[in-house]
C-alpha atoms as a PDB file:
ATOM      1  CA  MET A   1      83.024 122.075 153.456  1.00  0.00           C
ATOM      2  CA  SER A   2      84.545 124.112 150.663  1.00  0.00           C
ATOM      3  CA  LEU A   3      83.325 123.783 147.080  1.00  0.00           C
ATOM      4  CA  ALA A   4      86.885 124.243 145.821  1.00  0.00           C
ATOM      5  CA  ILE A   5      87.447 121.574 143.172  1.00  0.00           C
ATOM      6  CA  ARG A   6      90.899 120.298 142.287  1.00  0.00           C
ATOM      7  CA  LEU A   7      91.872 120.894 138.673  1.00  0.00           C
ATOM      8  CA  GLU A   8      92.697 117.234 138.082  1.00  0.00           C
ATOM      9  CA  ASP A   9      89.280 116.154 139.403  1.00  0.00           C
ATOM     10  CA  LYS A  10      87.525 118.593 137.100  1.00  0.00           C
ATOM     11  CA  GLN A  11      89.578 117.432 134.135  1.00  0.00           C
ATOM     12  CA  GLN A  12      88.834 113.793 134.959  1.00  0.00           C
ATOM     13  CA  ALA A  13      85.088 114.491 135.118  1.00  0.00           C
ATOM     14  CA  PHE A  14      85.143 116.385 131.818  1.00  0.00           C
ATOM     15  CA  GLU A  15      87.079 113.532 130.178  1.00  0.00           C
ATOM     16  CA  GLU A  16      84.590 110.948 131.428  1.00  0.00           C
ATOM     17  CA  LEU A  17      81.684 113.084 130.227  1.00  0.00           C
ATOM     18  CA  ARG A  18      83.280 113.411 126.792  1.00  0.00           C
ATOM     19  CA  ASP A  19      83.712 109.648 126.497  1.00  0.00           C
ATOM     20  CA  ILE A  20      80.157 108.796 127.550  1.00  0.00           C
ATOM     21  CA  LYS A  21      78.703 111.613 125.448  1.00  0.00           C
ATOM     22  CA  THR A  22      80.512 110.321 122.362  1.00  0.00           C
ATOM     23  CA  TYR A  23      79.319 106.785 123.037  1.00  0.00           C
ATOM     24  CA  LEU A  24      75.673 107.692 123.627  1.00  0.00           C
ATOM     25  CA  ALA A  25      75.623 110.087 120.677  1.00  0.00           C
ATOM     26  CA  GLY A  26      76.724 107.140 118.564  1.00  0.00           C
ATOM     27  CA  ARG A  27      73.543 105.366 119.670  1.00  0.00           C
ATOM     28  CA  ASN A  28      71.455 108.384 118.571  1.00  0.00           C
ATOM     29  CA  TRP A  29      70.245 109.008 122.112  1.00  0.00           C
ATOM     30  CA  PHE A  30      70.640 112.826 121.914  1.00  0.00           C
ATOM     31  CA  PRO A  31      68.194 113.924 119.187  1.00  0.00           C
ATOM     32  CA  GLY A  32      68.027 117.665 118.576  1.00  0.00           C
ATOM     33  CA  THR A  33      70.649 118.523 121.269  1.00  0.00           C
ATOM     34  CA  SER A  34      68.365 116.918 123.899  1.00  0.00           C
ATOM     35  CA  GLY A  35      69.586 115.085 126.969  1.00  0.00           C
ATOM     36  CA  ASN A  36      72.253 115.846 129.529  1.00  0.00           C
ATOM     37  CA  LEU A  37      74.995 114.158 131.509  1.00  0.00           C
ATOM     38  CA  SER A  38      76.618 114.943 134.825  1.00  0.00           C
ATOM     39  CA  ILE A  39      79.315 113.579 137.122  1.00  0.00           C
ATOM     40  CA  ARG A  40      79.683 114.616 140.756  1.00  0.00           C
ATOM     41  CA  VAL A  41      83.072 116.092 141.684  1.00  0.00           C
ATOM     42  CA  GLY A  42      84.668 116.496 145.115  1.00  0.00           C
ATOM     43  CA  GLU A  43      83.262 115.949 148.588  1.00  0.00           C
ATOM     44  CA  PHE A  44      79.564 115.447 149.214  1.00  0.00           C
ATOM     45  CA  THR A  45      76.940 116.271 151.779  1.00  0.00           C
ATOM     46  CA  PRO A  46      73.254 116.619 150.867  1.00  0.00           C
ATOM     47  CA  GLU A  47      73.546 120.328 151.667  1.00  0.00           C
ATOM     48  CA  GLN A  48      76.666 121.086 149.622  1.00  0.00           C
ATOM     49  CA  PHE A  49      78.184 119.424 146.589  1.00  0.00           C
ATOM     50  CA  ALA A  50      79.327 120.119 143.034  1.00  0.00           C
ATOM     51  CA  PHE A  51      79.072 118.361 139.704  1.00  0.00           C
ATOM     52  CA  ALA A  52      80.218 118.687 136.118  1.00  0.00           C
ATOM     53  CA  VAL A  53      77.326 118.900 133.657  1.00  0.00           C
ATOM     54  CA  THR A  54      76.842 119.264 129.927  1.00  0.00           C
ATOM     55  CA  ALA A  55      76.242 122.806 128.682  1.00  0.00           C
ATOM     56  CA  SER A  56      72.852 123.733 127.234  1.00  0.00           C
ATOM     57  CA  GLY A  57      72.148 123.734 123.515  1.00  0.00           C
ATOM     58  CA  LYS A  58      75.275 121.879 122.374  1.00  0.00           C
ATOM     59  CA  ASP A  59      75.422 119.367 119.539  1.00  0.00           C
ATOM     60  CA  LYS A  60      76.422 116.260 121.478  1.00  0.00           C
ATOM     61  CA  SER A  61      77.694 114.468 118.382  1.00  0.00           C
ATOM     62  CA  VAL A  62      80.758 116.750 118.358  1.00  0.00           C
ATOM     63  CA  ASN A  63      83.327 117.626 121.029  1.00  0.00           C
ATOM     64  CA  THR A  64      84.392 121.199 121.785  1.00  0.00           C
ATOM     65  CA  PRO A  65      86.273 122.951 124.635  1.00  0.00           C
ATOM     66  CA  SER A  66      82.989 124.469 125.866  1.00  0.00           C
ATOM     67  CA  ASP A  67      80.828 121.369 126.320  1.00  0.00           C
ATOM     68  CA  TYR A  68      80.848 121.219 130.159  1.00  0.00           C
ATOM     69  CA  LEU A  69      80.810 123.377 133.251  1.00  0.00           C
ATOM     70  CA  LEU A  70      80.845 122.986 137.022  1.00  0.00           C
ATOM     71  CA  VAL A  71      77.766 123.802 139.096  1.00  0.00           C
ATOM     72  CA  ASP A  72      76.869 123.687 142.782  1.00  0.00           C
ATOM     73  CA  GLN A  73      74.022 121.970 144.653  1.00  0.00           C
ATOM     74  CA  SER A  74      71.608 124.634 143.373  1.00  0.00           C
ATOM     75  CA  GLY A  75      72.628 124.193 139.740  1.00  0.00           C
ATOM     76  CA  LYS A  76      74.515 127.504 139.628  1.00  0.00           C
ATOM     77  CA  PRO A  77      77.953 127.761 137.929  1.00  0.00           C
ATOM     78  CA  ILE A  78      80.821 127.854 140.417  1.00  0.00           C
ATOM     79  CA  GLU A  79      83.326 129.297 137.948  1.00  0.00           C
ATOM     80  CA  ALA A  80      83.124 132.373 135.733  1.00  0.00           C
ATOM     81  CA  THR A  81      81.566 131.218 132.456  1.00  0.00           C
ATOM     82  CA  GLY A  82      79.240 132.263 129.674  1.00  0.00           C
ATOM     83  CA  LEU A  83      77.922 128.704 129.431  1.00  0.00           C
ATOM     84  CA  LYS A  84      74.502 127.711 130.718  1.00  0.00           C
ATOM     85  CA  PRO A  85      73.926 124.327 132.351  1.00  0.00           C
ATOM     86  CA  SER A  86      71.495 121.955 130.674  1.00  0.00           C
ATOM     87  CA  ALA A  87      67.811 122.661 131.221  1.00  0.00           C
ATOM     88  CA  GLU A  88      67.239 119.661 133.511  1.00  0.00           C
ATOM     89  CA  THR A  89      70.160 120.475 135.828  1.00  0.00           C
ATOM     90  CA  LEU A  90      67.763 121.092 138.738  1.00  0.00           C
ATOM     91  CA  ILE A  91      66.557 117.501 138.392  1.00  0.00           C
ATOM     92  CA  HIS A  92      70.165 116.322 138.678  1.00  0.00           C
ATOM     93  CA  CYS A  93      70.525 118.463 141.821  1.00  0.00           C
ATOM     94  CA  GLU A  94      67.587 116.727 143.487  1.00  0.00           C
ATOM     95  CA  ILE A  95      68.763 113.236 142.513  1.00  0.00           C
ATOM     96  CA  TYR A  96      72.253 113.882 143.880  1.00  0.00           C
ATOM     97  CA  ARG A  97      70.808 115.342 147.075  1.00  0.00           C
ATOM     98  CA  ALA A  98      68.498 112.368 147.606  1.00  0.00           C
ATOM     99  CA  THR A  99      70.817 109.531 146.566  1.00  0.00           C
ATOM    100  CA  GLY A 100      74.433 110.667 146.836  1.00  0.00           C
ATOM    101  CA  ALA A 101      74.977 109.215 143.357  1.00  0.00           C
ATOM    102  CA  GLY A 102      78.220 109.768 141.482  1.00  0.00           C
ATOM    103  CA  ALA A 103      76.818 110.260 137.972  1.00  0.00           C
ATOM    104  CA  ILE A 104      73.458 110.927 136.300  1.00  0.00           C
ATOM    105  CA  PHE A 105      72.626 110.431 132.615  1.00  0.00           C
ATOM    106  CA  HIS A 106      69.436 111.724 130.978  1.00  0.00           C
ATOM    107  CA  VAL A 107      68.394 110.783 127.442  1.00  0.00           C
ATOM    108  CA  HIS A 108      65.288 111.163 125.284  1.00  0.00           C
ATOM    109  CA  THR A 109      64.574 108.072 123.171  1.00  0.00           C
ATOM    110  CA  VAL A 110      61.555 106.840 121.266  1.00  0.00           C
ATOM    111  CA  PHE A 111      61.101 103.787 123.484  1.00  0.00           C
ATOM    112  CA  ASN A 112      61.407 105.590 126.806  1.00  0.00           C
ATOM    113  CA  ASN A 113      58.846 108.134 125.582  1.00  0.00           C
ATOM    114  CA  LEU A 114      56.468 105.454 124.290  1.00  0.00           C
ATOM    115  CA  VAL A 115      56.595 103.324 127.405  1.00  0.00           C
ATOM    116  CA  SER A 116      56.199 106.345 129.683  1.00  0.00           C
ATOM    117  CA  GLU A 117      52.955 107.186 127.905  1.00  0.00           C
ATOM    118  CA  LEU A 118      51.807 103.565 127.766  1.00  0.00           C
ATOM    119  CA  TYR A 119      52.085 103.277 131.567  1.00  0.00           C
ATOM    120  CA  GLY A 120      51.813 106.964 132.477  1.00  0.00           C
ATOM    121  CA  ASP A 121      48.420 106.755 134.157  1.00  0.00           C
ATOM    122  CA  ARG A 122      49.642 103.745 136.156  1.00  0.00           C
ATOM    123  CA  GLY A 123      52.602 105.766 137.449  1.00  0.00           C
ATOM    124  CA  SER A 124      55.256 103.120 136.834  1.00  0.00           C
ATOM    125  CA  VAL A 125      56.488 100.641 134.242  1.00  0.00           C
ATOM    126  CA  PRO A 126      56.118  97.019 135.421  1.00  0.00           C
ATOM    127  CA  ILE A 127      58.913  94.632 134.461  1.00  0.00           C
ATOM    128  CA  ASP A 128      58.469  90.959 135.332  1.00  0.00           C
ATOM    129  CA  GLY A 129      61.239  88.381 135.309  1.00  0.00           C
ATOM    130  CA  VAL A 130      63.470  89.872 132.613  1.00  0.00           C
ATOM    131  CA  GLU A 131      67.109  88.848 132.992  1.00  0.00           C
ATOM    132  CA  LEU A 132      68.478  92.378 132.594  1.00  0.00           C
ATOM    133  CA  ILE A 133      66.902  93.400 135.898  1.00  0.00           C
ATOM    134  CA  LYS A 134      70.157  91.996 137.293  1.00  0.00           C
ATOM    135  CA  ALA A 135      71.929  95.097 135.950  1.00  0.00           C
ATOM    136  CA  PHE A 136      70.443  96.878 138.978  1.00  0.00           C
ATOM    137  CA  ASN A 137      71.980  94.302 141.365  1.00  0.00           C
ATOM    138  CA  ILE A 138      68.587  92.662 141.870  1.00  0.00           C
ATOM    139  CA  TRP A 139      69.291  88.947 141.841  1.00  0.00           C
ATOM    140  CA  GLU A 140      66.016  87.265 142.841  1.00  0.00           C
ATOM    141  CA  GLU A 141      64.735  84.676 140.418  1.00  0.00           C
ATOM    142  CA  GLU A 142      61.852  86.071 138.319  1.00  0.00           C
ATOM    143  CA  ALA A 143      62.271  89.456 139.977  1.00  0.00           C
ATOM    144  CA  GLN A 144      59.528  92.024 139.508  1.00  0.00           C
ATOM    145  CA  ILE A 145      60.245  95.747 139.527  1.00  0.00           C
ATOM    146  CA  GLU A 146      58.387  98.995 138.953  1.00  0.00           C
ATOM    147  CA  ILE A 147      60.170 101.888 137.238  1.00  0.00           C
ATOM    148  CA  PRO A 148      58.619 105.155 138.493  1.00  0.00           C
ATOM    149  CA  ILE A 149      57.118 107.755 136.141  1.00  0.00           C
ATOM    150  CA  VAL A 150      56.652 111.406 137.065  1.00  0.00           C
ATOM    151  CA  PRO A 151      54.614 113.966 135.094  1.00  0.00           C
ATOM    152  CA  ASN A 152      56.282 116.260 132.591  1.00  0.00           C
ATOM    153  CA  TYR A 153      55.952 120.019 133.007  1.00  0.00           C
ATOM    154  CA  ALA A 154      57.320 122.934 131.022  1.00  0.00           C
ATOM    155  CA  GLU A 155      58.727 124.382 134.262  1.00  0.00           C
ATOM    156  CA  ILE A 156      61.663 122.177 135.304  1.00  0.00           C
ATOM    157  CA  PRO A 157      61.393 123.147 139.010  1.00  0.00           C
ATOM    158  CA  ARG A 158      57.928 121.541 139.065  1.00  0.00           C
ATOM    159  CA  ILE A 159      59.476 118.258 137.916  1.00  0.00           C
ATOM    160  CA  ALA A 160      62.443 118.578 140.266  1.00  0.00           C
ATOM    161  CA  GLU A 161      60.221 118.916 143.322  1.00  0.00           C
ATOM    162  CA  LEU A 162      58.668 115.503 142.556  1.00  0.00           C
ATOM    163  CA  VAL A 163      61.976 113.655 142.359  1.00  0.00           C
ATOM    164  CA  GLU A 164      62.733 112.773 145.976  1.00  0.00           C
ATOM    165  CA  GLN A 165      59.313 111.264 146.636  1.00  0.00           C
ATOM    166  CA  ALA A 166      59.371 109.295 143.373  1.00  0.00           C
ATOM    167  CA  ILE A 167      62.735 107.572 143.938  1.00  0.00           C
ATOM    168  CA  LEU A 168      62.491 103.875 144.789  1.00  0.00           C
ATOM    169  CA  PRO A 169      65.410 102.399 146.774  1.00  0.00           C
ATOM    170  CA  ARG A 170      66.332  99.582 144.366  1.00  0.00           C
ATOM    171  CA  ILE A 171      65.600 101.394 141.111  1.00  0.00           C
ATOM    172  CA  PRO A 172      68.349 103.801 139.941  1.00  0.00           C
ATOM    173  CA  GLY A 173      66.165 105.753 137.557  1.00  0.00           C
ATOM    174  CA  ILE A 174      63.052 107.862 137.022  1.00  0.00           C
ATOM    175  CA  LEU A 175      61.033 108.269 133.836  1.00  0.00           C
ATOM    176  CA  ILE A 176      59.590 111.657 132.994  1.00  0.00           C
ATOM    177  CA  ARG A 177      56.396 111.126 131.014  1.00  0.00           C
ATOM    178  CA  LYS A 178      56.809 111.778 127.283  1.00  0.00           C
ATOM    179  CA  HIS A 179      60.209 113.281 128.056  1.00  0.00           C
ATOM    180  CA  GLY A 180      63.011 110.857 128.978  1.00  0.00           C
ATOM    181  CA  ILE A 181      64.837 108.760 131.560  1.00  0.00           C
ATOM    182  CA  CYS A 182      67.197 109.914 134.291  1.00  0.00           C
ATOM    183  CA  ALA A 183      69.474 107.036 135.305  1.00  0.00           C
ATOM    184  CA  TRP A 184      72.193 107.204 137.929  1.00  0.00           C
ATOM    185  CA  GLY A 185      74.919 105.193 139.573  1.00  0.00           C
ATOM    186  CA  ALA A 186      77.839 105.355 141.959  1.00  0.00           C
ATOM    187  CA  ASN A 187      80.089 106.368 139.053  1.00  0.00           C
ATOM    188  CA  ALA A 188      79.935 106.870 135.281  1.00  0.00           C
ATOM    189  CA  PHE A 189      80.425 103.169 134.523  1.00  0.00           C
ATOM    190  CA  GLU A 190      77.518 102.135 136.727  1.00  0.00           C
ATOM    191  CA  ALA A 191      75.241 104.919 135.474  1.00  0.00           C
ATOM    192  CA  LYS A 192      75.951 103.842 131.876  1.00  0.00           C
ATOM    193  CA  ARG A 193      75.132 100.220 132.741  1.00  0.00           C
ATOM    194  CA  HIS A 194      71.882 101.247 134.366  1.00  0.00           C
ATOM    195  CA  LEU A 195      70.910 103.492 131.451  1.00  0.00           C
ATOM    196  CA  GLU A 196      71.508 100.739 128.904  1.00  0.00           C
ATOM    197  CA  ALA A 197      69.509  98.294 131.008  1.00  0.00           C
ATOM    198  CA  PHE A 198      66.596 100.708 131.308  1.00  0.00           C
ATOM    199  CA  GLU A 199      66.519 101.289 127.563  1.00  0.00           C
ATOM    200  CA  PHE A 200      66.521  97.524 126.880  1.00  0.00           C
ATOM    201  CA  LEU A 201      63.683  97.034 129.374  1.00  0.00           C
ATOM    202  CA  PHE A 202      61.650  99.893 127.903  1.00  0.00           C
ATOM    203  CA  GLU A 203      61.849  98.433 124.415  1.00  0.00           C
ATOM    204  CA  TYR A 204      60.984  94.997 125.822  1.00  0.00           C
ATOM    205  CA  ALA A 205      57.964  96.364 127.731  1.00  0.00           C
ATOM    206  CA  TYR A 206      56.660  98.241 124.712  1.00  0.00           C
ATOM    207  CA  ARG A 207      57.055  95.340 122.286  1.00  0.00           C
ATOM    208  CA  LEU A 208      55.524  92.912 124.773  1.00  0.00           C
ATOM    209  CA  ALA A 209      52.488  95.188 125.163  1.00  0.00           C
ATOM    210  CA  LEU A 210      52.054  95.180 121.372  1.00  0.00           C
ATOM    211  CA  LEU A 211      52.253  91.379 121.214  1.00  0.00           C
ATOM    212  CA  ARG A 212      49.582  91.053 123.879  1.00  0.00           C
ATOM    213  CA  LYS A 213      47.056  93.190 122.029  1.00  0.00           C
END
């Protein structure tokens, strides 16, 4: 399989990234240039694929011609560029490889950091019977889910190597402790829906824990 990407597919991915970046920036989910977004482009096998990803160190509240680049399954740019992919790109690589997802969104918010610390030693965030679980296509009445948490390390490869084992089949996301959430879906629309649902559930879990004290 060739990693050659059609121009129109690249442009479509960049346009989708711009739209979702603008929307999430409006929710203040990218403090201090944190977070990253990616959309897979072209054909896929676990051994070879490509995706468009946000460039490192950019102010995500503004749009410029140099906000995105294309990388391969190892997180390396596949076109000549002076841009660097976002720091957590290797985590995206492992999620794509393990799931075949179409898009991955990673944000750092107060509630996802708080809840990851609240349940960090447990290794997962328990959610019991909340209606928004249905956003993950889980339709059982009073469904119970566990959202996995992995440790945070300064070296991103150490986090990336934990990803495949941490993924749970019905849960399209992983929390990194005191860091942020990676949420994914078959496309940008689904990944956005999952991300919003996770953030609602994190705030719910944190506030519920406070009420129970």
